[in-house]
Amino acid sequence: MSGPDQEDQGCSLDPDDDIPLDIELLFRPYAFLQHDDQLTDRQGRSWRFEGPWRWHWEDEGAGPAPQWPLTLTDRNGELDPAGACAIYEATATGSHATEVARWSRLIDAAPPSQPATN
């Protein structure tokens, strides 16, 4: 008995075909944030979110990650009230450490070691 040909196995994506695709990031840490969001943390420090594990502090003396809760101060050059509310609610409890632990538990992996930069 023979099995299916190797070419019948797996899946491929052709970006030029007419099949509509929806791609959703699963288990993304900080899913409530967008790249380059400007935020203020509980201690009044200014931060920029550069990606799931990359925080950029805007002032001296900040630690490796912001202290929750976070307040959105700028998104794409303007204030986004709905986004600000969602971020505040998402960070009203917990911390960066709990977000890392949640992600690590779901993925069964550890995030890369990338300290915040200024």
N, C-alpha and C. Protein backbone atom coordinates (compact mmCIF):
# COMPACT_ATOMS: atom_id res chain seq x y z
N MET A 1 0.85 -1.17 0.00
CA MET A 1 0.00 0.00 0.00
C MET A 1 0.89 1.23 0.00
N SER A 2 0.59 2.14 -0.88
CA SER A 2 1.41 3.36 -0.94
C SER A 2 0.62 4.54 -0.42
N GLY A 3 1.34 5.49 0.15
CA GLY A 3 0.72 6.68 0.71
C GLY A 3 0.64 7.80 -0.31
N PRO A 4 0.11 8.91 0.11
CA PRO A 4 0.02 10.05 -0.80
C PRO A 4 1.41 10.56 -1.19
N ASP A 5 1.47 11.15 -2.35
CA ASP A 5 2.73 11.72 -2.80
C ASP A 5 3.19 12.81 -1.85
N GLN A 6 4.48 13.02 -1.78
CA GLN A 6 5.05 14.03 -0.89
C GLN A 6 4.47 15.41 -1.20
N GLU A 7 4.19 15.69 -2.45
CA GLU A 7 3.67 17.01 -2.80
C GLU A 7 2.27 17.26 -2.25
N ASP A 8 1.57 16.21 -1.85
CA ASP A 8 0.23 16.36 -1.29
C ASP A 8 0.26 16.65 0.21
N GLN A 9 1.43 16.65 0.80
CA GLN A 9 1.55 16.86 2.24
C GLN A 9 1.81 18.33 2.55
N GLY A 10 1.29 18.77 3.66
CA GLY A 10 1.58 20.12 4.13
C GLY A 10 0.70 21.17 3.48
N CYS A 11 1.13 22.38 3.61
CA CYS A 11 0.35 23.51 3.14
C CYS A 11 1.32 24.58 2.65
N SER A 12 0.93 25.27 1.62
CA SER A 12 1.75 26.39 1.16
C SER A 12 0.84 27.59 0.95
N LEU A 13 1.43 28.75 1.02
CA LEU A 13 0.70 29.99 0.81
C LEU A 13 1.23 30.68 -0.43
N ASP A 14 0.35 31.06 -1.31
CA ASP A 14 0.72 31.81 -2.50
C ASP A 14 0.11 33.19 -2.37
N PRO A 15 0.92 34.22 -2.10
CA PRO A 15 0.36 35.56 -1.90
C PRO A 15 -0.28 36.15 -3.16
N ASP A 16 -0.02 35.54 -4.33
CA ASP A 16 -0.58 36.07 -5.57
C ASP A 16 -1.88 35.39 -6.01
N ASP A 17 -2.34 34.38 -5.25
CA ASP A 17 -3.59 33.75 -5.65
C ASP A 17 -4.78 34.58 -5.16
N ASP A 18 -5.95 34.17 -5.50
CA ASP A 18 -7.16 34.93 -5.14
C ASP A 18 -7.82 34.43 -3.87
N ILE A 19 -7.17 33.58 -3.13
CA ILE A 19 -7.74 33.05 -1.90
C ILE A 19 -7.50 34.06 -0.79
N PRO A 20 -8.58 34.60 -0.19
CA PRO A 20 -8.38 35.56 0.90
C PRO A 20 -7.84 34.87 2.15
N LEU A 21 -6.89 35.51 2.80
CA LEU A 21 -6.29 34.95 4.01
C LEU A 21 -6.42 35.95 5.14
N ASP A 22 -6.74 35.44 6.31
CA ASP A 22 -6.71 36.22 7.53
C ASP A 22 -5.65 35.58 8.42
N ILE A 23 -4.68 36.38 8.81
CA ILE A 23 -3.63 35.88 9.68
C ILE A 23 -3.75 36.58 11.01
N GLU A 24 -3.84 35.80 12.06
CA GLU A 24 -3.99 36.33 13.41
C GLU A 24 -2.83 35.86 14.27
N LEU A 25 -2.21 36.80 14.96
CA LEU A 25 -1.14 36.43 15.87
C LEU A 25 -1.76 35.79 17.11
N LEU A 26 -1.28 34.64 17.46
CA LEU A 26 -1.76 33.94 18.65
C LEU A 26 -0.72 34.05 19.75
N PHE A 27 -1.18 34.21 20.95
CA PHE A 27 -0.31 34.23 22.12
C PHE A 27 0.70 35.38 22.07
N ARG A 28 0.34 36.46 21.44
CA ARG A 28 1.26 37.59 21.37
C ARG A 28 1.29 38.32 22.70
N PRO A 29 2.48 38.47 23.28
CA PRO A 29 2.54 39.26 24.51
C PRO A 29 2.20 40.72 24.21
N TYR A 30 1.56 41.37 25.14
CA TYR A 30 1.16 42.77 24.99
C TYR A 30 0.28 42.97 23.75
N ALA A 31 -0.67 42.09 23.55
CA ALA A 31 -1.55 42.18 22.37
C ALA A 31 -2.35 43.47 22.35
N PHE A 32 -2.49 44.13 23.49
CA PHE A 32 -3.25 45.37 23.58
C PHE A 32 -2.43 46.59 23.18
N LEU A 33 -1.14 46.40 22.86
CA LEU A 33 -0.28 47.51 22.46
C LEU A 33 0.06 47.43 20.98
N GLN A 34 0.36 48.58 20.39
CA GLN A 34 0.81 48.66 19.01
C GLN A 34 2.24 49.19 18.98
N HIS A 35 2.97 48.81 17.94
CA HIS A 35 4.35 49.28 17.78
C HIS A 35 4.39 50.80 17.84
N ASP A 36 5.32 51.33 18.60
CA ASP A 36 5.55 52.77 18.79
C ASP A 36 4.52 53.46 19.68
N ASP A 37 3.68 52.72 20.39
CA ASP A 37 2.80 53.36 21.38
C ASP A 37 3.67 54.08 22.40
N GLN A 38 3.28 55.29 22.77
CA GLN A 38 3.94 56.07 23.82
C GLN A 38 3.09 55.92 25.08
N LEU A 39 3.75 55.57 26.20
CA LEU A 39 3.02 55.28 27.42
C LEU A 39 3.70 55.93 28.62
N THR A 40 2.92 56.08 29.67
CA THR A 40 3.45 56.49 30.96
C THR A 40 3.11 55.38 31.95
N ASP A 41 4.08 55.03 32.80
CA ASP A 41 3.82 53.96 33.76
C ASP A 41 3.39 54.54 35.11
N ARG A 42 3.17 53.65 36.06
CA ARG A 42 2.69 54.02 37.39
C ARG A 42 3.59 55.04 38.07
N GLN A 43 4.88 55.01 37.79
CA GLN A 43 5.83 55.93 38.40
C GLN A 43 6.01 57.22 37.61
N GLY A 44 5.21 57.40 36.55
CA GLY A 44 5.29 58.62 35.75
C GLY A 44 6.40 58.61 34.72
N ARG A 45 7.04 57.48 34.51
CA ARG A 45 8.11 57.38 33.52
C ARG A 45 7.51 57.20 32.12
N SER A 46 8.18 57.78 31.14
CA SER A 46 7.73 57.70 29.75
C SER A 46 8.41 56.52 29.06
N TRP A 47 7.60 55.76 28.30
CA TRP A 47 8.07 54.57 27.61
C TRP A 47 7.54 54.54 26.18
N ARG A 48 8.29 53.87 25.29
CA ARG A 48 7.81 53.58 23.94
C ARG A 48 7.87 52.07 23.76
N PHE A 49 6.76 51.51 23.29
CA PHE A 49 6.67 50.07 23.03
C PHE A 49 7.20 49.81 21.63
N GLU A 50 8.27 49.01 21.54
CA GLU A 50 8.88 48.73 20.24
C GLU A 50 8.63 47.31 19.76
N GLY A 51 7.90 46.55 20.51
CA GLY A 51 7.62 45.17 20.15
C GLY A 51 7.44 44.35 21.41
N PRO A 52 7.04 43.10 21.27
CA PRO A 52 6.69 42.30 22.44
C PRO A 52 7.70 42.30 23.58
N TRP A 53 8.97 42.32 23.31
CA TRP A 53 9.95 42.28 24.39
C TRP A 53 10.88 43.49 24.37
N ARG A 54 10.56 44.51 23.58
CA ARG A 54 11.44 45.68 23.47
C ARG A 54 10.74 46.92 23.97
N TRP A 55 11.23 47.43 25.08
CA TRP A 55 10.74 48.68 25.65
C TRP A 55 11.85 49.71 25.54
N HIS A 56 11.50 50.92 25.21
CA HIS A 56 12.46 52.02 25.12
C HIS A 56 12.01 53.07 26.11
N TRP A 57 12.88 53.41 27.08
CA TRP A 57 12.49 54.43 28.03
C TRP A 57 12.87 55.80 27.51
N GLU A 58 12.04 56.76 27.81
CA GLU A 58 12.22 58.11 27.30
C GLU A 58 12.87 59.03 28.33
N ASP A 59 13.05 58.56 29.56
CA ASP A 59 13.69 59.38 30.58
C ASP A 59 14.68 58.53 31.37
N GLU A 60 15.54 59.17 32.12
CA GLU A 60 16.57 58.48 32.88
C GLU A 60 15.98 57.78 34.11
N GLY A 61 16.64 56.74 34.52
CA GLY A 61 16.29 56.08 35.76
C GLY A 61 15.23 55.00 35.66
N ALA A 62 14.76 54.71 34.47
CA ALA A 62 13.73 53.69 34.32
C ALA A 62 14.35 52.30 34.48
N GLY A 63 13.56 51.35 34.89
CA GLY A 63 14.02 49.98 35.05
C GLY A 63 13.92 49.21 33.75
N PRO A 64 13.94 47.89 33.81
CA PRO A 64 13.92 47.08 32.60
C PRO A 64 12.56 47.04 31.90
N ALA A 65 11.51 47.39 32.61
CA ALA A 65 10.16 47.39 32.01
C ALA A 65 9.29 48.36 32.81
N PRO A 66 8.24 48.87 32.18
CA PRO A 66 7.37 49.82 32.90
C PRO A 66 6.60 49.16 34.04
N GLN A 67 6.25 49.98 35.02
CA GLN A 67 5.45 49.54 36.16
C GLN A 67 3.97 49.75 35.83
N TRP A 68 3.18 48.70 35.91
CA TRP A 68 1.76 48.80 35.58
C TRP A 68 1.01 49.51 36.68
N PRO A 69 -0.13 50.15 36.42
CA PRO A 69 -0.82 50.25 35.14
C PRO A 69 -0.13 51.24 34.19
N LEU A 70 -0.45 51.07 32.90
CA LEU A 70 0.10 51.93 31.86
C LEU A 70 -0.97 52.86 31.32
N THR A 71 -0.54 54.07 30.96
CA THR A 71 -1.44 55.06 30.37
C THR A 71 -0.93 55.40 28.98
N LEU A 72 -1.75 55.22 27.98
CA LEU A 72 -1.38 55.57 26.61
C LEU A 72 -1.39 57.08 26.46
N THR A 73 -0.28 57.63 26.01
CA THR A 73 -0.19 59.08 25.81
C THR A 73 -0.15 59.46 24.34
N ASP A 74 0.22 58.51 23.46
CA ASP A 74 0.29 58.81 22.03
C ASP A 74 0.23 57.51 21.24
N ARG A 75 -0.61 57.49 20.23
CA ARG A 75 -0.68 56.36 19.30
C ARG A 75 -0.78 56.95 17.90
N ASN A 76 0.23 56.72 17.11
CA ASN A 76 0.27 57.24 15.74
C ASN A 76 0.11 58.75 15.68
N GLY A 77 0.71 59.45 16.63
CA GLY A 77 0.70 60.90 16.61
C GLY A 77 -0.53 61.56 17.21
N GLU A 78 -1.39 60.78 17.82
CA GLU A 78 -2.59 61.38 18.43
C GLU A 78 -3.03 60.56 19.64
N LEU A 79 -3.93 61.12 20.39
CA LEU A 79 -4.49 60.39 21.53
C LEU A 79 -5.62 59.51 21.03
N ASP A 80 -5.63 58.28 21.48
CA ASP A 80 -6.65 57.30 21.11
C ASP A 80 -7.42 56.92 22.37
N PRO A 81 -8.56 57.57 22.65
CA PRO A 81 -9.29 57.30 23.90
C PRO A 81 -9.69 55.84 24.08
N ALA A 82 -10.14 55.20 23.02
CA ALA A 82 -10.54 53.79 23.13
C ALA A 82 -9.32 52.91 23.42
N GLY A 83 -8.23 53.18 22.74
CA GLY A 83 -6.99 52.44 22.98
C GLY A 83 -6.46 52.68 24.38
N ALA A 84 -6.53 53.93 24.84
CA ALA A 84 -6.07 54.27 26.18
C ALA A 84 -6.87 53.52 27.23
N CYS A 85 -8.17 53.45 27.05
CA CYS A 85 -9.03 52.74 27.99
C CYS A 85 -8.69 51.24 28.00
N ALA A 86 -8.52 50.65 26.81
CA ALA A 86 -8.21 49.22 26.71
C ALA A 86 -6.88 48.90 27.37
N ILE A 87 -5.88 49.76 27.18
CA ILE A 87 -4.56 49.53 27.76
C ILE A 87 -4.62 49.67 29.28
N TYR A 88 -5.31 50.69 29.75
CA TYR A 88 -5.40 50.87 31.20
C TYR A 88 -6.10 49.68 31.85
N GLU A 89 -7.20 49.22 31.25
CA GLU A 89 -7.92 48.07 31.79
C GLU A 89 -7.06 46.81 31.75
N ALA A 90 -6.30 46.62 30.66
CA ALA A 90 -5.47 45.42 30.53
C ALA A 90 -4.31 45.41 31.52
N THR A 91 -3.89 46.61 31.96
CA THR A 91 -2.74 46.69 32.86
C THR A 91 -3.12 47.14 34.27
N ALA A 92 -4.41 47.20 34.57
CA ALA A 92 -4.86 47.63 35.90
C ALA A 92 -4.36 46.69 36.98
N THR A 93 -4.21 45.42 36.64
CA THR A 93 -3.64 44.44 37.56
C THR A 93 -2.52 43.73 36.82
N GLY A 94 -1.66 43.09 37.55
CA GLY A 94 -0.57 42.36 36.93
C GLY A 94 0.68 43.21 36.79
N SER A 95 1.58 42.74 35.94
CA SER A 95 2.86 43.42 35.74
C SER A 95 3.51 42.86 34.48
N HIS A 96 4.64 43.45 34.15
CA HIS A 96 5.42 42.90 33.03
C HIS A 96 5.77 41.44 33.32
N ALA A 97 6.15 41.16 34.56
CA ALA A 97 6.52 39.79 34.93
C ALA A 97 5.34 38.82 34.75
N THR A 98 4.13 39.24 35.09
CA THR A 98 2.97 38.34 34.90
C THR A 98 2.66 38.16 33.42
N GLU A 99 2.90 39.18 32.60
CA GLU A 99 2.70 39.04 31.15
C GLU A 99 3.72 38.06 30.57
N VAL A 100 4.96 38.15 31.02
CA VAL A 100 6.00 37.21 30.58
C VAL A 100 5.63 35.79 31.02
N ALA A 101 5.19 35.63 32.25
CA ALA A 101 4.83 34.30 32.75
C ALA A 101 3.63 33.73 31.99
N ARG A 102 2.63 34.58 31.70
CA ARG A 102 1.46 34.12 30.94
C ARG A 102 1.88 33.63 29.57
N TRP A 103 2.68 34.41 28.87
CA TRP A 103 3.14 34.05 27.54
C TRP A 103 3.98 32.78 27.60
N SER A 104 4.91 32.72 28.54
CA SER A 104 5.79 31.55 28.65
C SER A 104 4.99 30.28 28.90
N ARG A 105 3.96 30.38 29.74
CA ARG A 105 3.11 29.22 30.04
C ARG A 105 2.36 28.76 28.79
N LEU A 106 1.81 29.70 28.03
CA LEU A 106 1.04 29.34 26.83
C LEU A 106 1.92 28.79 25.72
N ILE A 107 3.10 29.32 25.58
CA ILE A 107 4.00 28.93 24.50
C ILE A 107 4.94 27.79 24.91
N ASP A 108 5.13 27.63 26.21
CA ASP A 108 6.10 26.68 26.75
C ASP A 108 7.50 27.03 26.27
N ALA A 109 7.82 28.32 26.39
CA ALA A 109 9.14 28.82 26.00
C ALA A 109 9.45 30.07 26.82
N ALA A 110 10.69 30.45 26.80
CA ALA A 110 11.10 31.67 27.49
C ALA A 110 11.35 32.76 26.46
N PRO A 111 11.01 34.01 26.79
CA PRO A 111 11.26 35.10 25.85
C PRO A 111 12.76 35.37 25.73
N PRO A 112 13.17 35.99 24.64
CA PRO A 112 14.59 36.35 24.51
C PRO A 112 14.95 37.39 25.57
N SER A 113 16.19 37.41 25.94
CA SER A 113 16.65 38.38 26.93
C SER A 113 17.02 39.67 26.22
N GLN A 114 16.13 40.67 26.32
CA GLN A 114 16.37 41.97 25.71
C GLN A 114 16.00 43.04 26.70
N PRO A 115 16.97 43.66 27.33
CA PRO A 115 16.65 44.73 28.28
C PRO A 115 16.12 45.95 27.57
N ALA A 116 15.43 46.78 28.33
CA ALA A 116 14.94 48.04 27.79
C ALA A 116 16.13 48.91 27.38
N THR A 117 15.89 49.77 26.42
CA THR A 117 16.95 50.66 25.94
C THR A 117 16.48 52.09 26.01
N ASN A 118 17.43 53.00 25.97
CA ASN A 118 17.04 54.41 25.86
C ASN A 118 17.67 55.01 24.66
